[in-house]
PDB file of N, CA and C in Angstrom:
ATOM      1  N   UNK A   1      94.205  74.159  79.677  1.00  0.00           N
ATOM      2  CA  UNK A   1      95.494  73.961  80.528  1.00  0.00           C
ATOM      3  C   UNK A   1      95.034  73.867  82.029  1.00  0.00           C
ATOM      4  N   UNK A   2      95.997  73.148  82.908  1.00  0.00           N
ATOM      5  CA  UNK A   2      95.773  72.786  83.896  1.00  0.00           C
ATOM      6  C   UNK A   2      96.685  73.633  84.917  1.00  0.00           C
ATOM      7  N   UNK A   3      95.814  73.955  85.884  1.00  0.00           N
ATOM      8  CA  UNK A   3      96.380  75.111  86.874  1.00  0.00           C
ATOM      9  C   UNK A   3      97.258  74.454  87.686  1.00  0.00           C
ATOM     10  N   UNK A   4      98.752  74.525  88.114  1.00  0.00           N
ATOM     11  CA  UNK A   4      99.209  73.822  89.225  1.00  0.00           C
ATOM     12  C   UNK A   4      99.355  74.480  90.507  1.00  0.00           C
ATOM     13  N   UNK A   5      98.858  74.323  91.674  1.00  0.00           N
ATOM     14  CA  UNK A   5      99.254  74.687  93.053  1.00  0.00           C
ATOM     15  C   UNK A   5     100.210  73.761  93.812  1.00  0.00           C
ATOM     16  N   UNK A   6     100.734  74.879  94.039  1.00  0.00           N
ATOM     17  CA  UNK A   6     102.018  74.212  94.839  1.00  0.00           C
ATOM     18  C   UNK A   6     101.773  75.354  96.070  1.00  0.00           C
ATOM     19  N   UNK A   7     101.688  74.161  97.371  1.00  0.00           N
ATOM     20  CA  UNK A   7     101.955  74.611  98.588  1.00  0.00           C
ATOM     21  C   UNK A   7     102.924  74.420  99.142  1.00  0.00           C
ATOM     22  N   UNK A   8     103.320  75.598  99.903  1.00  0.00           N
ATOM     23  CA  UNK A   8     104.414  75.382 101.093  1.00  0.00           C
ATOM     24  C   UNK A   8     104.080  75.563 102.305  1.00  0.00           C
ATOM     25  N   UNK A   9     104.962  74.663 102.956  1.00  0.00           N
ATOM     26  CA  UNK A   9     104.663  74.831 104.461  1.00  0.00           C
ATOM     27  C   UNK A   9     106.191  74.966 105.199  1.00  0.00           C
ATOM     28  N   UNK A  10     106.266  76.215 105.678  1.00  0.00           N
ATOM     29  CA  UNK A  10     107.537  76.249 106.204  1.00  0.00           C
ATOM     30  C   UNK A  10     107.441  76.311 107.556  1.00  0.00           C
ATOM     31  N   UNK A  11     108.121  75.942 108.679  1.00  0.00           N
ATOM     32  CA  UNK A  11     108.011  76.507 109.769  1.00  0.00           C
ATOM     33  C   UNK A  11     109.606  77.402 110.233  1.00  0.00           C
ATOM     34  N   UNK A  12     109.462  78.372 111.144  1.00  0.00           N
ATOM     35  CA  UNK A  12     110.111  79.383 111.320  1.00  0.00           C
ATOM     36  C   UNK A  12     111.319  78.524 112.072  1.00  0.00           C
ATOM     37  N   UNK A  13     112.551  79.014 111.261  1.00  0.00           N
ATOM     38  CA  UNK A  13     113.834  78.514 111.938  1.00  0.00           C
ATOM     39  C   UNK A  13     114.701  79.572 111.913  1.00  0.00           C
ATOM     40  N   UNK A  14     115.204  79.934 113.071  1.00  0.00           N
ATOM     41  CA  UNK A  14     116.322  81.054 113.584  1.00  0.00           C
ATOM     42  C   UNK A  14     117.706  80.837 112.924  1.00  0.00           C
ATOM     43  N   UNK A  15     117.831  79.499 112.975  1.00  0.00           N
ATOM     44  CA  UNK A  15     119.085  78.941 112.791  1.00  0.00           C
ATOM     45  C   UNK A  15     119.954  78.894 111.293  1.00  0.00           C
ATOM     46  N   UNK A  16     118.712  79.603 110.511  1.00  0.00           N
ATOM     47  CA  UNK A  16     119.455  79.114 108.783  1.00  0.00           C
ATOM     48  C   UNK A  16     120.269  80.437 108.817  1.00  0.00           C
ATOM     49  N   UNK A  17     121.310  79.551 107.892  1.00  0.00           N
ATOM     50  CA  UNK A  17     121.912  80.766 107.790  1.00  0.00           C
ATOM     51  C   UNK A  17     121.669  81.699 106.717  1.00  0.00           C
ATOM     52  N   UNK A  18     121.860  82.713 106.281  1.00  0.00           N
ATOM     53  CA  UNK A  18     121.382  83.598 105.101  1.00  0.00           C
ATOM     54  C   UNK A  18     121.199  83.125 104.068  1.00  0.00           C
ATOM     55  N   UNK A  19     122.726  82.390 103.566  1.00  0.00           N
ATOM     56  CA  UNK A  19     122.700  81.458 102.532  1.00  0.00           C
ATOM     57  C   UNK A  19     121.425  80.549 102.313  1.00  0.00           C
ATOM     58  N   UNK A  20     121.337  79.931 103.262  1.00  0.00           N
ATOM     59  CA  UNK A  20     120.446  78.994 103.427  1.00  0.00           C
ATOM     60  C   UNK A  20     118.837  79.917 102.968  1.00  0.00           C
ATOM     61  N   UNK A  21     118.601  80.769 103.586  1.00  0.00           N
ATOM     62  CA  UNK A  21     117.205  81.530 103.322  1.00  0.00           C
ATOM     63  C   UNK A  21     117.381  82.032 101.596  1.00  0.00           C
ATOM     64  N   UNK A  22     118.524  82.317 101.078  1.00  0.00           N
ATOM     65  CA  UNK A  22     118.436  82.566  99.697  1.00  0.00           C
ATOM     66  C   UNK A  22     118.074  81.451  99.037  1.00  0.00           C
ATOM     67  N   UNK A  23     118.935  80.148  99.110  1.00  0.00           N
ATOM     68  CA  UNK A  23     118.620  79.270  98.685  1.00  0.00           C
ATOM     69  C   UNK A  23     117.167  78.492  98.827  1.00  0.00           C
ATOM     70  N   UNK A  24     116.589  78.863  99.911  1.00  0.00           N
ATOM     71  CA  UNK A  24     114.936  78.418 100.031  1.00  0.00           C
ATOM     72  C   UNK A  24     114.061  79.411  99.066  1.00  0.00           C
ATOM     73  N   UNK A  25     114.357  80.536  99.354  1.00  0.00           N
ATOM     74  CA  UNK A  25     113.590  81.790  98.157  1.00  0.00           C
ATOM     75  C   UNK A  25     113.895  81.163  96.959  1.00  0.00           C
ATOM     76  N   UNK A  26     115.144  81.210  96.524  1.00  0.00           N
ATOM     77  CA  UNK A  26     115.601  80.887  94.923  1.00  0.00           C
ATOM     78  C   UNK A  26     114.829  79.674  94.554  1.00  0.00           C
ATOM     79  N   UNK A  27     114.563  78.546  95.247  1.00  0.00           N
ATOM     80  CA  UNK A  27     113.616  77.555  95.290  1.00  0.00           C
ATOM     81  C   UNK A  27     112.496  77.535  94.737  1.00  0.00           C
ATOM     82  N   UNK A  28     112.064  78.457  95.914  1.00  0.00           N
ATOM     83  CA  UNK A  28     110.370  78.824  95.640  1.00  0.00           C
ATOM     84  C   UNK A  28     110.069  79.563  94.378  1.00  0.00           C
ATOM     85  N   UNK A  29     110.934  80.416  93.919  1.00  0.00           N
ATOM     86  CA  UNK A  29     110.984  81.349  92.702  1.00  0.00           C
ATOM     87  C   UNK A  29     111.015  80.141  91.751  1.00  0.00           C
ATOM     88  N   UNK A  30     111.912  79.323  91.502  1.00  0.00           N
ATOM     89  CA  UNK A  30     112.005  78.274  90.515  1.00  0.00           C
ATOM     90  C   UNK A  30     110.593  77.553  90.223  1.00  0.00           C
ATOM     91  N   UNK A  31     110.264  77.224  91.421  1.00  0.00           N
ATOM     92  CA  UNK A  31     108.814  76.432  91.478  1.00  0.00           C
ATOM     93  C   UNK A  31     107.802  77.144  90.592  1.00  0.00           C
ATOM     94  N   UNK A  32     107.872  78.922  90.814  1.00  0.00           N
ATOM     95  CA  UNK A  32     107.046  79.709  90.122  1.00  0.00           C
ATOM     96  C   UNK A  32     107.282  79.555  88.514  1.00  0.00           C
ATOM     97  N   UNK A  33     108.143  79.659  88.359  1.00  0.00           N
ATOM     98  CA  UNK A  33     108.567  79.398  86.958  1.00  0.00           C
ATOM     99  C   UNK A  33     108.396  77.801  86.367  1.00  0.00           C
ATOM    100  N   UNK A  34     108.791  77.410  86.941  1.00  0.00           N
ATOM    101  CA  UNK A  34     108.249  76.146  86.523  1.00  0.00           C
ATOM    102  C   UNK A  34     106.750  75.395  86.279  1.00  0.00           C
ATOM    103  N   UNK A  35     106.154  76.472  87.325  1.00  0.00           N
ATOM    104  CA  UNK A  35     104.794  76.023  86.671  1.00  0.00           C
ATOM    105  C   UNK A  35     104.035  76.684  85.563  1.00  0.00           C
ATOM    106  N   UNK A  36     104.830  78.056  85.528  1.00  0.00           N
ATOM    107  CA  UNK A  36     104.472  78.641  83.903  1.00  0.00           C
ATOM    108  C   UNK A  36     104.519  77.838  82.920  1.00  0.00           C
ATOM    109  N   UNK A  37     105.650  77.406  83.045  1.00  0.00           N
ATOM    110  CA  UNK A  37     106.685  76.506  81.967  1.00  0.00           C
ATOM    111  C   UNK A  37     105.732  75.622  81.844  1.00  0.00           C
ATOM    112  N   UNK A  38     105.438  74.629  82.961  1.00  0.00           N
ATOM    113  CA  UNK A  38     104.438  73.527  82.866  1.00  0.00           C
ATOM    114  C   UNK A  38     103.242  73.825  82.384  1.00  0.00           C
ATOM    115  N   UNK A  39     102.362  75.002  82.874  1.00  0.00           N
ATOM    116  CA  UNK A  39     100.959  75.429  82.349  1.00  0.00           C
ATOM    117  C   UNK A  39     101.121  75.548  81.115  1.00  0.00           C
ATOM    118  N   UNK A  40     102.143  76.438  80.391  1.00  0.00           N
ATOM    119  CA  UNK A  40     102.221  76.389  78.760  1.00  0.00           C
ATOM    120  C   UNK A  40     102.604  75.347  77.728  1.00  0.00           C
ATOM    121  N   UNK A  41     102.937  74.070  78.616  1.00  0.00           N
ATOM    122  CA  UNK A  41     103.722  73.045  77.768  1.00  0.00           C
ATOM    123  C   UNK A  41     104.574  73.272  77.413  1.00  0.00           C
ATOM    124  N   UNK A  42     105.359  74.294  77.769  1.00  0.00           N
ATOM    125  CA  UNK A  42     107.086  74.383  77.166  1.00  0.00           C
ATOM    126  C   UNK A  42     108.175  73.499  78.136  1.00  0.00           C
ATOM    127  N   UNK A  43     109.151  73.361  77.499  1.00  0.00           N
ATOM    128  CA  UNK A  43     110.397  73.060  78.259  1.00  0.00           C
ATOM    129  C   UNK A  43     110.582  73.930  79.151  1.00  0.00           C
ATOM    130  N   UNK A  44     111.066  73.567  80.269  1.00  0.00           N
ATOM    131  CA  UNK A  44     111.507  74.574  81.193  1.00  0.00           C
ATOM    132  C   UNK A  44     112.996  74.528  80.911  1.00  0.00           C
ATOM    133  N   UNK A  45     113.321  76.002  81.283  1.00  0.00           N
ATOM    134  CA  UNK A  45     114.491  76.410  80.602  1.00  0.00           C
ATOM    135  C   UNK A  45     115.292  76.453  81.779  1.00  0.00           C
ATOM    136  N   UNK A  46     116.601  76.159  81.385  1.00  0.00           N
ATOM    137  CA  UNK A  46     117.958  76.052  82.438  1.00  0.00           C
ATOM    138  C   UNK A  46     118.168  77.086  83.198  1.00  0.00           C
ATOM    139  N   UNK A  47     117.272  77.624  84.580  1.00  0.00           N
ATOM    140  CA  UNK A  47     117.418  78.780  85.034  1.00  0.00           C
ATOM    141  C   UNK A  47     118.551  78.553  86.106  1.00  0.00           C
ATOM    142  N   UNK A  48     119.408  79.527  85.690  1.00  0.00           N
ATOM    143  CA  UNK A  48     120.814  79.873  86.513  1.00  0.00           C
ATOM    144  C   UNK A  48     121.157  81.505  86.939  1.00  0.00           C
ATOM    145  N   UNK A  49     121.790  81.613  87.843  1.00  0.00           N
ATOM    146  CA  UNK A  49     121.923  82.991  88.392  1.00  0.00           C
ATOM    147  C   UNK A  49     121.934  84.185  87.092  1.00  0.00           C
ATOM    148  N   UNK A  50     122.769  83.761  86.173  1.00  0.00           N
ATOM    149  CA  UNK A  50     123.057  84.515  84.862  1.00  0.00           C
ATOM    150  C   UNK A  50     121.811  84.458  83.639  1.00  0.00           C
ATOM    151  N   UNK A  51     120.763  83.784  83.782  1.00  0.00           N
ATOM    152  CA  UNK A  51     119.666  83.609  82.713  1.00  0.00           C
ATOM    153  C   UNK A  51     118.748  84.962  82.954  1.00  0.00           C
ATOM    154  N   UNK A  52     118.935  85.640  81.638  1.00  0.00           N
ATOM    155  CA  UNK A  52     118.433  86.708  81.247  1.00  0.00           C
ATOM    156  C   UNK A  52     116.897  86.664  81.023  1.00  0.00           C
ATOM    157  N   UNK A  53     116.087  87.683  81.826  1.00  0.00           N
ATOM    158  CA  UNK A  53     114.518  87.359  81.955  1.00  0.00           C
ATOM    159  C   UNK A  53     114.198  87.935  80.889  1.00  0.00           C
ATOM    160  N   UNK A  54     114.280  87.490  79.651  1.00  0.00           N
ATOM    161  CA  UNK A  54     113.730  87.561  78.598  1.00  0.00           C
ATOM    162  C   UNK A  54     112.779  86.304  77.625  1.00  0.00           C
ATOM    163  N   UNK A  55     112.819  86.758  76.554  1.00  0.00           N
ATOM    164  CA  UNK A  55     112.021  85.619  75.395  1.00  0.00           C
ATOM    165  C   UNK A  55     113.156  84.531  75.210  1.00  0.00           C
ATOM    166  N   UNK A  56     114.326  84.256  75.589  1.00  0.00           N
ATOM    167  CA  UNK A  56     115.651  83.530  75.292  1.00  0.00           C
ATOM    168  C   UNK A  56     115.040  82.587  76.117  1.00  0.00           C
ATOM    169  N   UNK A  57     114.257  82.782  77.440  1.00  0.00           N
ATOM    170  CA  UNK A  57     113.570  81.355  78.265  1.00  0.00           C
ATOM    171  C   UNK A  57     112.259  80.526  77.889  1.00  0.00           C
ATOM    172  N   UNK A  58     112.003  81.342  76.654  1.00  0.00           N
ATOM    173  CA  UNK A  58     110.732  80.497  75.462  1.00  0.00           C
ATOM    174  C   UNK A  58     108.884  81.016  76.253  1.00  0.00           C
ATOM    175  N   UNK A  59     109.535  82.406  77.214  1.00  0.00           N
ATOM    176  CA  UNK A  59     108.234  82.715  77.860  1.00  0.00           C
ATOM    177  C   UNK A  59     108.082  84.174  77.247  1.00  0.00           C
ATOM    178  N   UNK A  60     106.747  84.683  76.942  1.00  0.00           N
ATOM    179  CA  UNK A  60     106.129  85.467  76.153  1.00  0.00           C
ATOM    180  C   UNK A  60     105.876  86.655  77.427  1.00  0.00           C
ATOM    181  N   UNK A  61     105.829  87.950  77.041  1.00  0.00           N
ATOM    182  CA  UNK A  61     105.372  89.528  78.052  1.00  0.00           C
ATOM    183  C   UNK A  61     104.152  88.668  79.016  1.00  0.00           C
ATOM    184  N   UNK A  62     102.980  87.743  78.463  1.00  0.00           N
ATOM    185  CA  UNK A  62     102.323  87.528  79.645  1.00  0.00           C
ATOM    186  C   UNK A  62     102.482  86.632  80.659  1.00  0.00           C
ATOM    187  N   UNK A  63     103.553  85.681  80.167  1.00  0.00           N
ATOM    188  CA  UNK A  63     104.009  84.713  81.000  1.00  0.00           C
ATOM    189  C   UNK A  63     104.673  85.394  81.740  1.00  0.00           C
ATOM    190  N   UNK A  64     105.630  86.242  82.063  1.00  0.00           N
ATOM    191  CA  UNK A  64     106.218  87.253  83.083  1.00  0.00           C
ATOM    192  C   UNK A  64     105.395  88.124  84.024  1.00  0.00           C
ATOM    193  N   UNK A  65     104.011  88.240  83.496  1.00  0.00           N
ATOM    194  CA  UNK A  65     102.906  88.861  84.102  1.00  0.00           C
ATOM    195  C   UNK A  65     102.324  87.911  84.778  1.00  0.00           C
ATOM    196  N   UNK A  66     102.480  86.535  84.784  1.00  0.00           N
ATOM    197  CA  UNK A  66     101.682  85.407  85.185  1.00  0.00           C
ATOM    198  C   UNK A  66     102.896  85.280  86.438  1.00  0.00           C
ATOM    199  N   UNK A  67     103.988  85.500  86.121  1.00  0.00           N
ATOM    200  CA  UNK A  67     105.222  85.020  87.331  1.00  0.00           C
ATOM    201  C   UNK A  67     105.025  85.908  88.129  1.00  0.00           C
ATOM    202  N   UNK A  68     104.898  87.199  87.860  1.00  0.00           N
ATOM    203  CA  UNK A  68     104.780  88.447  89.104  1.00  0.00           C
ATOM    204  C   UNK A  68     103.927  87.890  89.586  1.00  0.00           C
ATOM    205  N   UNK A  69     102.515  87.685  89.195  1.00  0.00           N
ATOM    206  CA  UNK A  69     101.148  87.810  90.277  1.00  0.00           C
ATOM    207  C   UNK A  69     101.682  86.128  90.935  1.00  0.00           C
ATOM    208  N   UNK A  70     101.969  84.954  90.405  1.00  0.00           N
ATOM    209  CA  UNK A  70     102.217  84.147  90.891  1.00  0.00           C
ATOM    210  C   UNK A  70     103.096  84.296  92.362  1.00  0.00           C
ATOM    211  N   UNK A  71     104.392  85.105  92.137  1.00  0.00           N
ATOM    212  CA  UNK A  71     105.194  85.410  93.030  1.00  0.00           C
ATOM    213  C   UNK A  71     105.299  86.133  93.961  1.00  0.00           C
ATOM    214  N   UNK A  72     103.873  87.484  93.887  1.00  0.00           N
ATOM    215  CA  UNK A  72     103.329  87.929  94.723  1.00  0.00           C
ATOM    216  C   UNK A  72     102.576  86.996  95.764  1.00  0.00           C
ATOM    217  N   UNK A  73     101.559  86.206  95.097  1.00  0.00           N
ATOM    218  CA  UNK A  73     100.546  85.190  95.744  1.00  0.00           C
ATOM    219  C   UNK A  73     101.532  84.576  97.135  1.00  0.00           C
ATOM    220  N   UNK A  74     102.987  83.764  96.089  1.00  0.00           N
ATOM    221  CA  UNK A  74     103.762  83.037  96.944  1.00  0.00           C
ATOM    222  C   UNK A  74     104.579  83.598  98.084  1.00  0.00           C
ATOM    223  N   UNK A  75     104.828  85.039  97.931  1.00  0.00           N
ATOM    224  CA  UNK A  75     105.604  85.980  98.901  1.00  0.00           C
ATOM    225  C   UNK A  75     104.588  86.536  99.689  1.00  0.00           C
ATOM    226  N   UNK A  76     103.754  87.104  99.189  1.00  0.00           N
ATOM    227  CA  UNK A  76     102.705  87.930  99.820  1.00  0.00           C
ATOM    228  C   UNK A  76     103.126  89.469  99.996  1.00  0.00           C
ATOM    229  N   UNK A  77     103.553  89.730  98.581  1.00  0.00           N
ATOM    230  CA  UNK A  77     103.887  91.340  98.909  1.00  0.00           C
ATOM    231  C   UNK A  77     104.586  91.168  96.995  1.00  0.00           C
ATOM    232  N   UNK A  78     104.614  92.225  96.293  1.00  0.00           N
ATOM    233  CA  UNK A  78     104.674  92.635  94.855  1.00  0.00           C
ATOM    234  C   UNK A  78     105.780  93.976  94.921  1.00  0.00           C
ATOM    235  N   UNK A  79     107.496  93.128  95.039  1.00  0.00           N
ATOM    236  CA  UNK A  79     108.141  94.706  94.670  1.00  0.00           C
ATOM    237  C   UNK A  79     108.248  95.223  93.376  1.00  0.00           C
ATOM    238  N   UNK A  80     107.046  94.864  92.495  1.00  0.00           N
ATOM    239  CA  UNK A  80     106.740  95.561  91.166  1.00  0.00           C
ATOM    240  C   UNK A  80     105.699  96.638  91.329  1.00  0.00           C
ATOM    241  N   UNK A  81     105.309  96.844  92.312  1.00  0.00           N
ATOM    242  CA  UNK A  81     104.145  97.948  92.487  1.00  0.00           C
ATOM    243  C   UNK A  81     104.635  99.034  92.123  1.00  0.00           C
ATOM    244  N   UNK A  82     105.999  99.456  92.513  1.00  0.00           N
ATOM    245  CA  UNK A  82     106.217 101.133  91.441  1.00  0.00           C
ATOM    246  C   UNK A  82     106.710 100.388  90.689  1.00  0.00           C
ATOM    247  N   UNK A  83     107.107 100.076  89.899  1.00  0.00           N
ATOM    248  CA  UNK A  83     107.614  99.530  88.533  1.00  0.00           C
ATOM    249  C   UNK A  83     108.923  98.473  88.497  1.00  0.00           C
ATOM    250  N   UNK A  84     109.495  98.421  87.617  1.00  0.00           N
ATOM    251  CA  UNK A  84     110.611  97.172  87.713  1.00  0.00           C
ATOM    252  C   UNK A  84     111.707  98.096  88.455  1.00  0.00           C
ATOM    253  N   UNK A  85     112.443  97.320  88.989  1.00  0.00           N
ATOM    254  CA  UNK A  85     113.157  98.393  89.858  1.00  0.00           C
ATOM    255  C   UNK A  85     114.761  98.031  89.137  1.00  0.00           C
ATOM    256  N   UNK A  86     115.522  99.426  88.999  1.00  0.00           N
ATOM    257  CA  UNK A  86     116.932  99.124  88.337  1.00  0.00           C
ATOM    258  C   UNK A  86     117.516  97.790  88.364  1.00  0.00           C
ATOM    259  N   UNK A  87     118.039  97.599  87.607  1.00  0.00           N
ATOM    260  CA  UNK A  87     119.601  96.377  87.471  1.00  0.00           C
ATOM    261  C   UNK A  87     118.778  95.393  87.343  1.00  0.00           C
ATOM    262  N   UNK A  88     117.155  94.865  87.535  1.00  0.00           N
ATOM    263  CA  UNK A  88     116.573  93.941  87.397  1.00  0.00           C
ATOM    264  C   UNK A  88     116.973  92.939  85.887  1.00  0.00           C
ATOM    265  N   UNK A  89     117.844  92.470  85.670  1.00  0.00           N
ATOM    266  CA  UNK A  89     117.814  91.617  84.527  1.00  0.00           C
ATOM    267  C   UNK A  89     117.795  90.401  84.319  1.00  0.00           C
ATOM    268  N   UNK A  90     118.435  89.407  85.272  1.00  0.00           N
ATOM    269  CA  UNK A  90     118.840  88.212  85.378  1.00  0.00           C
ATOM    270  C   UNK A  90     117.830  87.431  86.427  1.00  0.00           C
ATOM    271  N   UNK A  91     117.600  86.500  86.102  1.00  0.00           N
ATOM    272  CA  UNK A  91     117.107  85.452  87.472  1.00  0.00           C
ATOM    273  C   UNK A  91     117.930  85.278  88.719  1.00  0.00           C
ATOM    274  N   UNK A  92     119.197  85.712  88.599  1.00  0.00           N
ATOM    275  CA  UNK A  92     119.906  85.788  89.664  1.00  0.00           C
ATOM    276  C   UNK A  92     119.459  87.253  90.587  1.00  0.00           C
ATOM    277  N   UNK A  93     119.472  88.511  89.543  1.00  0.00           N
ATOM    278  CA  UNK A  93     118.888  89.834  90.240  1.00  0.00           C
ATOM    279  C   UNK A  93     117.562  89.533  91.032  1.00  0.00           C
ATOM    280  N   UNK A  94     116.547  88.726  90.159  1.00  0.00           N
ATOM    281  CA  UNK A  94     115.238  88.421  90.714  1.00  0.00           C
ATOM    282  C   UNK A  94     115.224  87.887  92.433  1.00  0.00           C
ATOM    283  N   UNK A  95     116.145  86.979  92.460  1.00  0.00           N
ATOM    284  CA  UNK A  95     116.286  86.145  93.545  1.00  0.00           C
ATOM    285  C   UNK A  95     117.105  87.357  94.592  1.00  0.00           C
ATOM    286  N   UNK A  96     117.818  88.012  93.939  1.00  0.00           N
ATOM    287  CA  UNK A  96     118.433  89.031  95.132  1.00  0.00           C
ATOM    288  C   UNK A  96     117.303  89.702  95.797  1.00  0.00           C
ATOM    289  N   UNK A  97     116.463  90.381  94.564  1.00  0.00           N
ATOM    290  CA  UNK A  97     115.587  91.476  95.027  1.00  0.00           C
ATOM    291  C   UNK A  97     114.320  90.397  96.286  1.00  0.00           C
ATOM    292  N   UNK A  98     114.219  89.290  95.793  1.00  0.00           N
ATOM    293  CA  UNK A  98     113.303  88.779  96.849  1.00  0.00           C
ATOM    294  C   UNK A  98     113.992  88.298  98.188  1.00  0.00           C
ATOM    295  N   UNK A  99     115.112  87.918  97.950  1.00  0.00           N
ATOM    296  CA  UNK A  99     115.656  87.744  99.209  1.00  0.00           C
ATOM    297  C   UNK A  99     116.493  89.180 100.071  1.00  0.00           C
ATOM    298  N   UNK A 100     116.400  90.593  99.757  1.00  0.00           N
ATOM    299  CA  UNK A 100     116.668  91.491 100.052  1.00  0.00           C
ATOM    300  C   UNK A 100     115.189  91.848 101.148  1.00  0.00           C
ATOM    301  N   UNK A 101     113.812  91.545  99.960  1.00  0.00           N
ATOM    302  CA  UNK A 101     112.457  92.104 100.624  1.00  0.00           C
ATOM    303  C   UNK A 101     112.520  91.049 101.989  1.00  0.00           C
ATOM    304  N   UNK A 102     112.570  89.810 101.661  1.00  0.00           N
ATOM    305  CA  UNK A 102     112.461  88.956 102.604  1.00  0.00           C
ATOM    306  C   UNK A 102     113.130  89.261 104.135  1.00  0.00           C
ATOM    307  N   UNK A 103     114.491  89.764 103.852  1.00  0.00           N
ATOM    308  CA  UNK A 103     115.328  90.149 105.044  1.00  0.00           C
ATOM    309  C   UNK A 103     114.695  91.488 105.663  1.00  0.00           C
ATOM    310  N   UNK A 104     113.930  91.807 104.792  1.00  0.00           N
ATOM    311  CA  UNK A 104     113.506  93.116 105.237  1.00  0.00           C
ATOM    312  C   UNK A 104     112.399  93.529 106.215  1.00  0.00           C
ATOM    313  N   UNK A 105     111.795  92.117 106.212  1.00  0.00           N
ATOM    314  CA  UNK A 105     110.372  91.795 106.604  1.00  0.00           C
ATOM    315  C   UNK A 105     110.449  91.403 108.320  1.00  0.00           C
TER     316      UNK A 105
END
């Protein structure tokens, strides 16, 4: 398996609307998911706000653990350190979780 490393260089921009920030966060999360799909050699699932974070995406539990680690590397924190937050069920929920964390930082 060839590990893919995605580097993101972002410039601080205080002119972003909150929606743009959420879109940027969603894009970063999407790239993490895609890197795991690609590393595993499986077709990329059609990720949307309502996509349930379970095996229907073609991923196994170890894949989700890898995603959590890669998200921590990408964002610099682990919102799962205390366990899985209540209500986290979909890709949209995950995006909202990271958007809330980013706005708190």
